N, C-alpha and C. Protein backbone atom coordinates (compact mmCIF):
# COMPACT_ATOMS: atom_id res chain seq x y z
N MET A 1 -13.88 -42.38 223.39
CA MET A 1 -13.44 -43.16 222.26
C MET A 1 -11.79 -42.49 222.83
N SER A 2 -11.67 -41.62 223.83
CA SER A 2 -10.63 -41.07 224.30
C SER A 2 -9.28 -42.52 224.69
N GLY A 3 -7.72 -42.09 224.12
CA GLY A 3 -7.25 -43.27 224.30
C GLY A 3 -6.73 -44.51 223.51
N LYS A 4 -7.81 -44.16 222.23
CA LYS A 4 -7.50 -45.36 221.33
C LYS A 4 -6.77 -44.71 220.29
N ASP A 5 -6.30 -45.51 219.69
CA ASP A 5 -5.00 -45.23 218.64
C ASP A 5 -5.81 -44.82 216.93
N THR A 6 -7.26 -45.30 217.30
CA THR A 6 -7.89 -44.75 215.77
C THR A 6 -8.26 -43.66 215.99
N GLU A 7 -8.34 -42.64 216.74
CA GLU A 7 -8.87 -41.38 217.27
C GLU A 7 -7.80 -40.48 216.55
N PRO A 8 -8.33 -39.54 215.44
CA PRO A 8 -6.98 -38.50 214.70
C PRO A 8 -6.71 -37.21 215.97
N PRO A 9 -5.70 -36.57 215.84
CA PRO A 9 -5.46 -35.88 216.53
C PRO A 9 -6.43 -34.33 216.53
N PRO A 10 -6.38 -33.91 217.93
CA PRO A 10 -7.57 -32.60 217.89
C PRO A 10 -6.97 -31.88 216.95
N SER A 11 -6.37 -31.26 216.27
CA SER A 11 -5.68 -30.20 215.31
C SER A 11 -6.76 -30.87 213.77
N LEU A 12 -6.98 -32.03 213.95
CA LEU A 12 -7.75 -32.35 212.66
C LEU A 12 -9.22 -32.77 212.52
N ARG A 13 -9.62 -32.91 213.86
CA ARG A 13 -10.82 -33.11 214.65
C ARG A 13 -11.70 -31.95 214.16
N THR A 14 -11.01 -30.61 214.25
CA THR A 14 -11.93 -29.43 214.93
C THR A 14 -13.10 -29.08 213.65
N PRO A 15 -14.38 -29.12 213.38
CA PRO A 15 -14.40 -28.46 212.22
C PRO A 15 -14.01 -27.25 211.78
N THR A 16 -13.66 -26.16 212.45
CA THR A 16 -13.14 -25.07 211.97
C THR A 16 -11.87 -25.29 211.12
N SER A 17 -11.29 -26.52 211.29
CA SER A 17 -9.75 -26.79 210.44
C SER A 17 -9.81 -26.83 209.24
N CYS A 18 -8.77 -26.78 208.52
CA CYS A 18 -8.70 -26.79 206.89
C CYS A 18 -8.82 -27.89 206.57
N PHE A 19 -8.83 -28.96 207.34
CA PHE A 19 -9.30 -30.38 206.89
C PHE A 19 -10.48 -30.97 206.20
N TRP A 20 -11.28 -29.65 206.43
CA TRP A 20 -12.85 -29.79 205.93
C TRP A 20 -12.84 -29.00 204.85
N SER A 21 -12.10 -28.51 204.33
CA SER A 21 -12.50 -27.61 203.07
C SER A 21 -12.67 -28.39 201.95
N SER A 22 -11.93 -29.33 201.85
CA SER A 22 -12.02 -29.92 200.51
C SER A 22 -12.31 -31.51 199.91
N SER A 23 -12.70 -32.57 199.24
CA SER A 23 -13.17 -33.48 199.27
C SER A 23 -12.43 -34.54 199.64
N PHE A 24 -10.79 -34.32 199.40
CA PHE A 24 -9.73 -35.00 199.66
C PHE A 24 -9.35 -35.01 201.23
N ASN A 25 -9.80 -34.13 201.67
CA ASN A 25 -9.56 -33.68 203.53
C ASN A 25 -10.46 -34.58 204.14
N LYS A 26 -11.81 -34.57 203.14
CA LYS A 26 -12.61 -35.35 203.87
C LYS A 26 -12.66 -36.77 204.07
N VAL A 27 -11.64 -37.49 203.07
CA VAL A 27 -11.79 -38.85 202.69
C VAL A 27 -10.38 -38.99 203.43
N VAL A 28 -9.58 -38.49 204.18
CA VAL A 28 -8.24 -38.55 204.97
C VAL A 28 -9.05 -38.68 206.09
N LEU A 29 -9.87 -37.81 206.40
CA LEU A 29 -10.63 -37.51 207.74
C LEU A 29 -11.49 -38.99 207.92
N ARG A 30 -12.20 -39.42 207.31
CA ARG A 30 -12.93 -40.29 207.34
C ARG A 30 -12.22 -41.77 207.30
N ARG A 31 -10.94 -41.77 206.67
CA ARG A 31 -9.78 -42.96 206.48
C ARG A 31 -9.03 -43.14 208.13
N LEU A 32 -8.92 -41.55 208.97
CA LEU A 32 -8.09 -41.26 210.16
C LEU A 32 -9.32 -42.20 211.09
N TYR A 33 -10.37 -42.22 210.67
CA TYR A 33 -11.34 -42.62 211.89
C TYR A 33 -11.58 -44.15 211.80
N MET A 34 -10.95 -44.74 211.01
CA MET A 34 -11.19 -46.12 210.56
C MET A 34 -10.52 -46.85 211.59
N SER A 35 -11.07 -48.30 211.84
CA SER A 35 -9.95 -49.24 212.44
C SER A 35 -9.10 -49.83 211.92
N LYS A 36 -8.03 -50.20 212.52
CA LYS A 36 -7.00 -50.53 212.36
C LYS A 36 -7.15 -51.65 211.27
N ILE A 37 -7.94 -52.89 211.51
CA ILE A 37 -7.99 -53.83 210.25
C ILE A 37 -8.39 -52.87 208.83
N ASN A 38 -9.20 -51.67 208.69
CA ASN A 38 -9.65 -51.18 207.76
C ASN A 38 -8.67 -50.33 207.00
N ARG A 39 -7.44 -49.74 208.15
CA ARG A 39 -6.70 -49.52 207.86
C ARG A 39 -5.24 -50.49 207.35
N PRO A 40 -4.93 -50.96 206.05
CA PRO A 40 -4.10 -52.08 206.22
C PRO A 40 -2.77 -51.29 205.46
N PRO A 41 -1.82 -52.25 205.87
CA PRO A 41 -0.36 -51.33 205.33
C PRO A 41 0.10 -51.38 204.05
N MET A 42 0.82 -50.65 204.07
CA MET A 42 1.25 -50.62 202.40
C MET A 42 2.81 -50.48 202.31
N SER A 43 3.23 -51.58 201.24
CA SER A 43 4.45 -51.51 201.08
C SER A 43 5.68 -50.39 200.40
N VAL A 44 6.77 -50.10 200.56
CA VAL A 44 7.37 -49.42 199.82
C VAL A 44 7.36 -49.71 198.21
N SER A 45 7.55 -50.95 198.12
CA SER A 45 7.51 -51.67 196.72
C SER A 45 6.09 -51.22 195.73
N ARG A 46 5.26 -51.47 196.68
CA ARG A 46 3.35 -51.47 195.92
C ARG A 46 3.74 -49.70 195.61
N ILE A 47 4.17 -48.72 196.82
CA ILE A 47 3.72 -47.56 196.61
C ILE A 47 4.88 -47.27 195.24
N ALA A 48 6.21 -47.39 195.18
CA ALA A 48 6.87 -47.56 194.18
C ALA A 48 6.35 -47.49 192.85
N ARG A 49 5.75 -48.95 192.44
CA ARG A 49 4.91 -49.31 191.40
C ARG A 49 4.46 -48.64 191.20
N THR A 50 3.26 -48.20 192.22
CA THR A 50 1.82 -47.48 191.61
C THR A 50 1.96 -46.24 190.91
N VAL A 51 3.24 -45.05 191.91
CA VAL A 51 3.21 -43.85 191.60
C VAL A 51 4.84 -43.86 190.15
N LYS A 52 4.68 -44.84 189.71
CA LYS A 52 6.00 -44.87 188.49
C LYS A 52 5.58 -44.05 187.50
N ASP A 53 4.27 -43.68 186.96
CA ASP A 53 3.77 -43.11 186.02
C ASP A 53 4.00 -41.21 186.55
N THR A 54 3.51 -41.19 188.02
CA THR A 54 3.17 -39.76 188.16
C THR A 54 4.79 -39.21 189.19
N PRO A 55 5.67 -39.31 188.49
CA PRO A 55 6.71 -38.73 189.70
C PRO A 55 6.09 -36.99 190.06
N GLY A 56 6.77 -36.38 191.00
CA GLY A 56 6.72 -35.09 191.57
C GLY A 56 5.64 -35.37 192.22
N LYS A 57 4.86 -36.09 192.81
CA LYS A 57 3.72 -35.91 193.19
C LYS A 57 3.71 -36.91 194.85
N THR A 58 3.29 -36.18 196.19
CA THR A 58 3.36 -36.92 197.26
C THR A 58 2.42 -37.89 197.45
N VAL A 59 3.11 -38.88 197.96
CA VAL A 59 1.87 -39.96 198.22
C VAL A 59 1.33 -40.20 199.71
N VAL A 60 0.00 -40.27 200.08
CA VAL A 60 -0.55 -39.93 200.73
C VAL A 60 -0.90 -41.26 201.42
N VAL A 61 -0.51 -42.20 202.58
CA VAL A 61 -1.15 -42.91 202.76
C VAL A 61 -1.79 -43.27 204.50
N VAL A 62 -2.98 -43.52 204.47
CA VAL A 62 -3.76 -43.08 205.91
C VAL A 62 -3.51 -44.63 206.39
N SER A 63 -1.84 -44.74 207.10
CA SER A 63 -1.75 -46.15 207.54
C SER A 63 -0.39 -46.58 207.64
N THR A 64 0.43 -47.62 207.67
CA THR A 64 1.61 -47.64 208.06
C THR A 64 2.14 -47.99 206.97
N VAL A 65 3.44 -47.62 206.64
CA VAL A 65 4.14 -48.04 205.56
C VAL A 65 5.28 -48.44 205.68
N THR A 66 5.49 -49.96 204.89
CA THR A 66 6.34 -51.09 205.77
C THR A 66 7.59 -50.99 204.77
N ASP A 67 8.84 -51.67 204.92
CA ASP A 67 9.49 -52.23 204.00
C ASP A 67 9.53 -53.20 203.42
N ASP A 68 9.58 -53.63 201.90
CA ASP A 68 10.06 -54.59 201.14
C ASP A 68 11.51 -55.04 200.79
N VAL A 69 12.04 -55.91 201.30
CA VAL A 69 13.46 -56.41 201.15
C VAL A 69 13.46 -57.08 199.65
N ARG A 70 12.49 -57.15 199.10
CA ARG A 70 12.49 -57.71 197.65
C ARG A 70 12.79 -56.54 196.54
N LEU A 71 12.33 -55.09 196.95
CA LEU A 71 12.88 -54.08 196.13
C LEU A 71 14.19 -53.83 196.65
N VAL A 72 14.85 -54.22 195.39
CA VAL A 72 16.41 -53.80 195.61
C VAL A 72 16.72 -52.42 195.82
N GLU A 73 16.39 -51.43 194.79
CA GLU A 73 16.61 -49.88 194.68
C GLU A 73 15.20 -49.10 194.96
N VAL A 74 14.95 -48.50 195.90
CA VAL A 74 14.28 -47.49 195.90
C VAL A 74 14.29 -46.60 195.42
N PRO A 75 13.16 -45.83 194.44
CA PRO A 75 13.32 -44.61 194.20
C PRO A 75 13.13 -43.38 195.11
N LYS A 76 13.24 -42.14 194.50
CA LYS A 76 13.03 -41.41 195.57
C LYS A 76 11.52 -40.48 195.40
N LEU A 77 11.33 -41.13 196.70
CA LEU A 77 9.78 -41.13 196.93
C LEU A 77 9.33 -39.74 198.06
N SER A 78 8.34 -39.14 197.76
CA SER A 78 8.03 -38.39 199.26
C SER A 78 6.61 -38.74 199.56
N ILE A 79 6.45 -39.46 201.05
CA ILE A 79 5.34 -39.83 201.56
C ILE A 79 4.92 -39.44 202.46
N ALA A 80 3.46 -39.11 202.73
CA ALA A 80 3.06 -38.86 203.85
C ALA A 80 2.33 -40.18 204.85
N ALA A 81 2.32 -40.26 205.77
CA ALA A 81 1.89 -41.45 206.39
C ALA A 81 1.34 -41.16 207.94
N LEU A 82 0.49 -42.29 208.31
CA LEU A 82 0.22 -42.14 209.65
C LEU A 82 1.81 -42.68 210.42
N ARG A 83 2.30 -43.67 209.69
CA ARG A 83 3.60 -44.29 210.55
C ARG A 83 4.09 -44.93 209.19
N PHE A 84 5.48 -44.66 209.96
CA PHE A 84 6.85 -45.53 208.79
C PHE A 84 7.60 -46.97 210.01
N THR A 85 7.88 -48.04 209.31
CA THR A 85 8.60 -48.42 210.19
C THR A 85 9.80 -48.20 209.92
N ALA A 86 10.76 -48.89 210.83
CA ALA A 86 12.21 -48.06 211.08
C ALA A 86 12.63 -47.89 209.77
N THR A 87 13.17 -49.63 209.13
CA THR A 87 13.66 -49.82 207.70
C THR A 87 13.07 -49.20 206.65
N ALA A 88 12.08 -49.16 206.47
CA ALA A 88 11.04 -48.00 205.29
C ALA A 88 12.08 -46.84 205.60
N ARG A 89 11.58 -46.11 206.80
CA ARG A 89 12.04 -44.40 207.08
C ARG A 89 13.22 -44.77 206.38
N ALA A 90 14.56 -45.55 206.83
CA ALA A 90 15.54 -45.50 206.39
C ALA A 90 16.04 -45.54 205.08
N ARG A 91 14.88 -46.54 204.46
CA ARG A 91 15.42 -46.73 202.90
C ARG A 91 14.69 -45.58 201.88
N ILE A 92 13.69 -45.03 202.35
CA ILE A 92 13.13 -43.80 201.95
C ILE A 92 14.14 -42.41 201.83
N LEU A 93 14.58 -42.37 203.10
CA LEU A 93 15.30 -41.30 203.43
C LEU A 93 17.13 -41.18 202.49
N ALA A 94 17.36 -42.79 202.66
CA ALA A 94 18.49 -42.85 202.12
C ALA A 94 18.62 -42.62 200.11
N ALA A 95 17.63 -43.02 199.95
CA ALA A 95 16.92 -42.99 198.38
C ALA A 95 16.86 -41.14 198.23
N GLY A 96 16.94 -40.35 199.04
CA GLY A 96 16.88 -38.92 198.99
C GLY A 96 15.37 -38.66 198.99
N GLY A 97 14.43 -39.05 199.33
CA GLY A 97 12.93 -39.16 199.20
C GLY A 97 12.68 -38.43 200.81
N GLU A 98 11.66 -38.38 201.24
CA GLU A 98 10.86 -37.65 202.40
C GLU A 98 10.12 -38.39 203.22
N CYS A 99 10.01 -38.80 204.24
CA CYS A 99 8.92 -39.03 205.15
C CYS A 99 7.94 -38.20 206.02
N LEU A 100 6.91 -37.69 205.41
CA LEU A 100 6.01 -36.97 206.31
C LEU A 100 5.02 -37.25 207.16
N THR A 101 4.63 -36.39 208.17
CA THR A 101 3.18 -36.94 209.05
C THR A 101 2.01 -35.86 208.40
N LEU A 102 0.98 -36.72 208.66
CA LEU A 102 -0.02 -36.22 208.50
C LEU A 102 -0.34 -34.64 208.19
N ASP A 103 0.09 -34.17 209.65
CA ASP A 103 0.27 -32.73 210.03
C ASP A 103 1.12 -32.12 209.06
N GLN A 104 2.07 -32.69 208.70
CA GLN A 104 3.28 -31.67 207.67
C GLN A 104 2.43 -31.54 206.42
N LEU A 105 1.81 -32.50 206.06
CA LEU A 105 0.75 -32.70 204.60
C LEU A 105 -0.21 -31.67 204.87
N ALA A 106 -0.61 -31.47 205.67
CA ALA A 106 -1.57 -30.57 205.84
C ALA A 106 -0.93 -29.12 205.80
N LEU A 107 -0.20 -28.78 206.34
CA LEU A 107 0.46 -27.31 206.00
C LEU A 107 1.08 -27.34 205.05
N ARG A 108 1.54 -28.18 203.88
CA ARG A 108 1.97 -28.28 203.04
C ARG A 108 1.23 -27.81 201.67
N CYS A 109 0.33 -28.28 201.63
CA CYS A 109 -0.88 -28.91 200.68
C CYS A 109 -2.35 -28.92 201.51
N PRO A 110 -2.89 -27.86 201.63
CA PRO A 110 -4.21 -27.67 202.37
C PRO A 110 -5.33 -28.20 201.79
N THR A 111 -5.57 -28.00 200.61
CA THR A 111 -6.74 -29.19 199.51
C THR A 111 -6.15 -30.36 199.14
N GLY A 112 -4.82 -30.89 199.14
CA GLY A 112 -4.60 -32.40 198.72
C GLY A 112 -4.06 -32.08 197.75
N SER A 113 -3.67 -31.12 196.75
CA SER A 113 -3.79 -30.85 195.58
C SER A 113 -1.78 -31.26 195.11
N ASN A 114 -1.91 -31.92 194.21
CA ASN A 114 -0.40 -32.55 193.97
C ASN A 114 -0.24 -33.40 194.48
N THR A 115 -1.09 -34.32 195.04
CA THR A 115 -0.88 -35.50 195.62
C THR A 115 -1.58 -36.66 195.17
N VAL A 116 -1.13 -37.83 195.79
CA VAL A 116 -1.84 -39.37 195.30
C VAL A 116 -2.16 -40.11 196.59
N LEU A 117 -3.68 -40.25 196.42
CA LEU A 117 -3.74 -40.96 197.59
C LEU A 117 -4.10 -42.37 197.70
N LEU A 118 -3.52 -43.41 198.14
CA LEU A 118 -3.33 -44.53 198.11
C LEU A 118 -3.65 -45.67 199.45
N ARG A 119 -4.23 -46.74 199.42
CA ARG A 119 -4.27 -47.68 200.77
C ARG A 119 -4.01 -48.90 200.18
N GLY A 120 -3.69 -49.59 201.22
CA GLY A 120 -3.44 -51.25 201.17
C GLY A 120 -4.64 -51.82 200.79
N LYS A 121 -4.27 -53.30 200.58
CA LYS A 121 -5.26 -54.30 200.49
C LYS A 121 -5.72 -54.63 201.48
N ARG A 122 -7.33 -54.34 201.40
CA ARG A 122 -7.56 -54.67 202.52
C ARG A 122 -8.13 -56.17 203.02
N ASN A 123 -8.06 -57.17 201.57
CA ASN A 123 -8.38 -58.52 201.88
C ASN A 123 -7.39 -59.42 201.85
N SER A 124 -6.15 -58.52 202.27
CA SER A 124 -4.49 -59.53 202.10
C SER A 124 -4.52 -60.40 203.48
N ARG A 125 -5.53 -60.23 204.28
CA ARG A 125 -5.22 -60.75 206.18
C ARG A 125 -5.23 -62.49 205.87
N GLU A 126 -4.94 -62.93 206.37
CA GLU A 126 -4.71 -64.21 206.70
C GLU A 126 -6.05 -64.92 206.86
N ALA A 127 -6.64 -64.03 208.01
CA ALA A 127 -8.20 -64.40 208.38
C ALA A 127 -9.38 -64.38 207.25
N VAL A 128 -9.16 -63.36 206.15
CA VAL A 128 -10.16 -63.51 205.13
C VAL A 128 -10.23 -64.81 204.49
N ARG A 129 -8.98 -66.04 204.37
CA ARG A 129 -9.08 -66.96 203.54
C ARG A 129 -9.91 -67.53 204.41
N HIS A 130 -10.54 -67.94 205.75
CA HIS A 130 -11.21 -68.45 206.33
C HIS A 130 -13.01 -68.27 206.14
N PHE A 131 -12.93 -67.02 205.22
CA PHE A 131 -14.04 -65.98 205.19
C PHE A 131 -15.23 -66.98 203.87
N GLY A 132 -16.71 -66.81 204.08
CA GLY A 132 -17.20 -67.69 202.83
C GLY A 132 -18.13 -68.75 204.03
N HIS A 133 -19.18 -68.99 203.31
CA HIS A 133 -20.13 -69.77 203.48
C HIS A 133 -20.65 -71.16 202.32
N GLY A 134 -20.67 -72.23 203.14
CA GLY A 134 -21.43 -72.91 202.00
C GLY A 134 -19.90 -74.01 201.07
N PRO A 135 -20.34 -75.16 200.67
CA PRO A 135 -19.37 -75.69 200.06
C PRO A 135 -18.81 -75.12 198.69
N HIS A 136 -17.84 -75.50 197.90
CA HIS A 136 -17.19 -75.19 197.03
C HIS A 136 -17.11 -73.41 197.02
N LYS A 137 -16.58 -73.10 198.20
CA LYS A 137 -16.08 -71.59 198.07
C LYS A 137 -14.62 -71.58 198.56
N HIS A 138 -14.11 -72.43 198.75
CA HIS A 138 -12.55 -72.55 198.87
C HIS A 138 -12.28 -71.95 199.83
N LYS A 139 -13.29 -71.99 201.12
CA LYS A 139 -12.74 -71.55 201.86
C LYS A 139 -11.62 -72.42 202.89
N ARG A 140 -10.48 -71.80 203.20
CA ARG A 140 -9.47 -72.39 204.41
C ARG A 140 -10.13 -72.95 205.64
N PRO A 141 -9.79 -74.05 205.93
CA PRO A 141 -10.87 -74.73 207.50
C PRO A 141 -9.94 -74.23 208.61
N TYR A 142 -10.36 -74.10 209.63
CA TYR A 142 -9.55 -74.20 211.15
C TYR A 142 -9.25 -75.27 211.68
N VAL A 143 -7.82 -75.53 211.03
CA VAL A 143 -7.20 -77.21 211.32
C VAL A 143 -7.14 -77.04 212.89
N LEU A 144 -7.30 -78.01 213.41
CA LEU A 144 -6.82 -78.17 215.14
C LEU A 144 -5.69 -78.84 214.94
N SER A 145 -4.94 -79.42 213.96
CA SER A 145 -3.62 -79.73 213.78
C SER A 145 -3.37 -80.16 212.44
N LYS A 146 -1.88 -79.92 212.08
CA LYS A 146 -1.14 -79.79 210.98
C LYS A 146 -0.76 -80.90 210.35
N GLY A 147 -0.93 -82.18 210.69
CA GLY A 147 -0.22 -83.47 210.92
C GLY A 147 -0.36 -84.38 209.72
N ARG A 148 -0.04 -85.62 209.87
CA ARG A 148 -0.48 -86.25 208.77
C ARG A 148 -2.02 -86.58 208.39
N LYS A 149 -2.68 -87.05 209.51
CA LYS A 149 -3.59 -88.00 209.69
C LYS A 149 -4.77 -86.38 209.78
N PHE A 150 -4.59 -85.40 209.60
CA PHE A 150 -5.93 -84.14 209.89
C PHE A 150 -6.23 -83.40 208.73
N GLU A 151 -6.82 -83.92 208.01
CA GLU A 151 -7.60 -82.95 206.84
C GLU A 151 -6.79 -83.44 205.68
N LYS A 152 -6.35 -84.46 205.62
CA LYS A 152 -5.58 -84.59 204.09
C LYS A 152 -6.18 -85.86 203.70
N ALA A 153 -7.45 -86.04 203.43
CA ALA A 153 -8.30 -87.29 203.10
C ALA A 153 -9.09 -87.01 201.84
N ARG A 154 -10.07 -87.80 201.57
CA ARG A 154 -11.04 -87.21 200.30
C ARG A 154 -11.34 -86.08 200.67
N GLY A 155 -11.47 -85.42 199.53
CA GLY A 155 -11.87 -83.81 198.93
C GLY A 155 -10.85 -83.12 199.16
N ARG A 156 -9.68 -82.99 200.01
CA ARG A 156 -9.08 -82.21 200.07
C ARG A 156 -7.80 -82.40 199.08
N ARG A 157 -7.46 -83.66 198.26
CA ARG A 157 -6.67 -83.97 197.60
C ARG A 157 -7.22 -84.63 196.45
N LYS A 158 -6.63 -84.34 195.07
CA LYS A 158 -7.03 -85.41 194.10
C LYS A 158 -6.52 -86.59 193.95
N SER A 159 -5.44 -87.10 194.56
CA SER A 159 -5.01 -88.32 194.55
C SER A 159 -5.88 -89.35 195.47
N ARG A 160 -7.18 -88.54 196.23
CA ARG A 160 -7.80 -89.46 197.17
C ARG A 160 -8.97 -89.23 196.69
N GLY A 161 -9.15 -89.45 195.66
CA GLY A 161 -10.83 -89.56 195.07
C GLY A 161 -11.26 -88.07 194.30
N PHE A 162 -11.26 -87.21 195.05
CA PHE A 162 -11.72 -85.93 194.51
C PHE A 162 -11.19 -84.93 195.35
N LYS A 163 -11.42 -83.68 194.48
CA LYS A 163 -10.98 -82.53 195.61
C LYS A 163 -12.14 -81.27 195.48
N VAL A 164 -12.28 -80.70 196.10
CA VAL A 164 -13.42 -80.06 196.47
C VAL A 164 -12.71 -78.45 195.95
């Protein structure tokens, strides 16, 4: 598995490291080994909305933190994550917050005290809409073309007899 980005850094893999001491660290280590599909990104707006009631704690996200242009004003946040997009990092720092790596978090709070562990929505991918089997599951079809004559007739619209 060498060379893949799913593998955590060697400092976090060793059994003697401080990352094995608490249950929080075991959860973080398990998420570090997850594939990219199982590490969905999380936006700054969702983080801000979630930790609105717990000020002063460090938010831990074992994935990418992305920007959300719909959020007008970013609050002061302390976030530790695998990656930050350039705009997300700029907006967090401009608001007086801080962007930490997981290595820096391990040095600051080795047992995960005073932190909030969050993760993105795993089923928000477009591909998940096609999953499921059988009729009446409201699964999205894989359409060859999206023109006027493709999958627009009976069973797809109320105005054409019925809608599944």
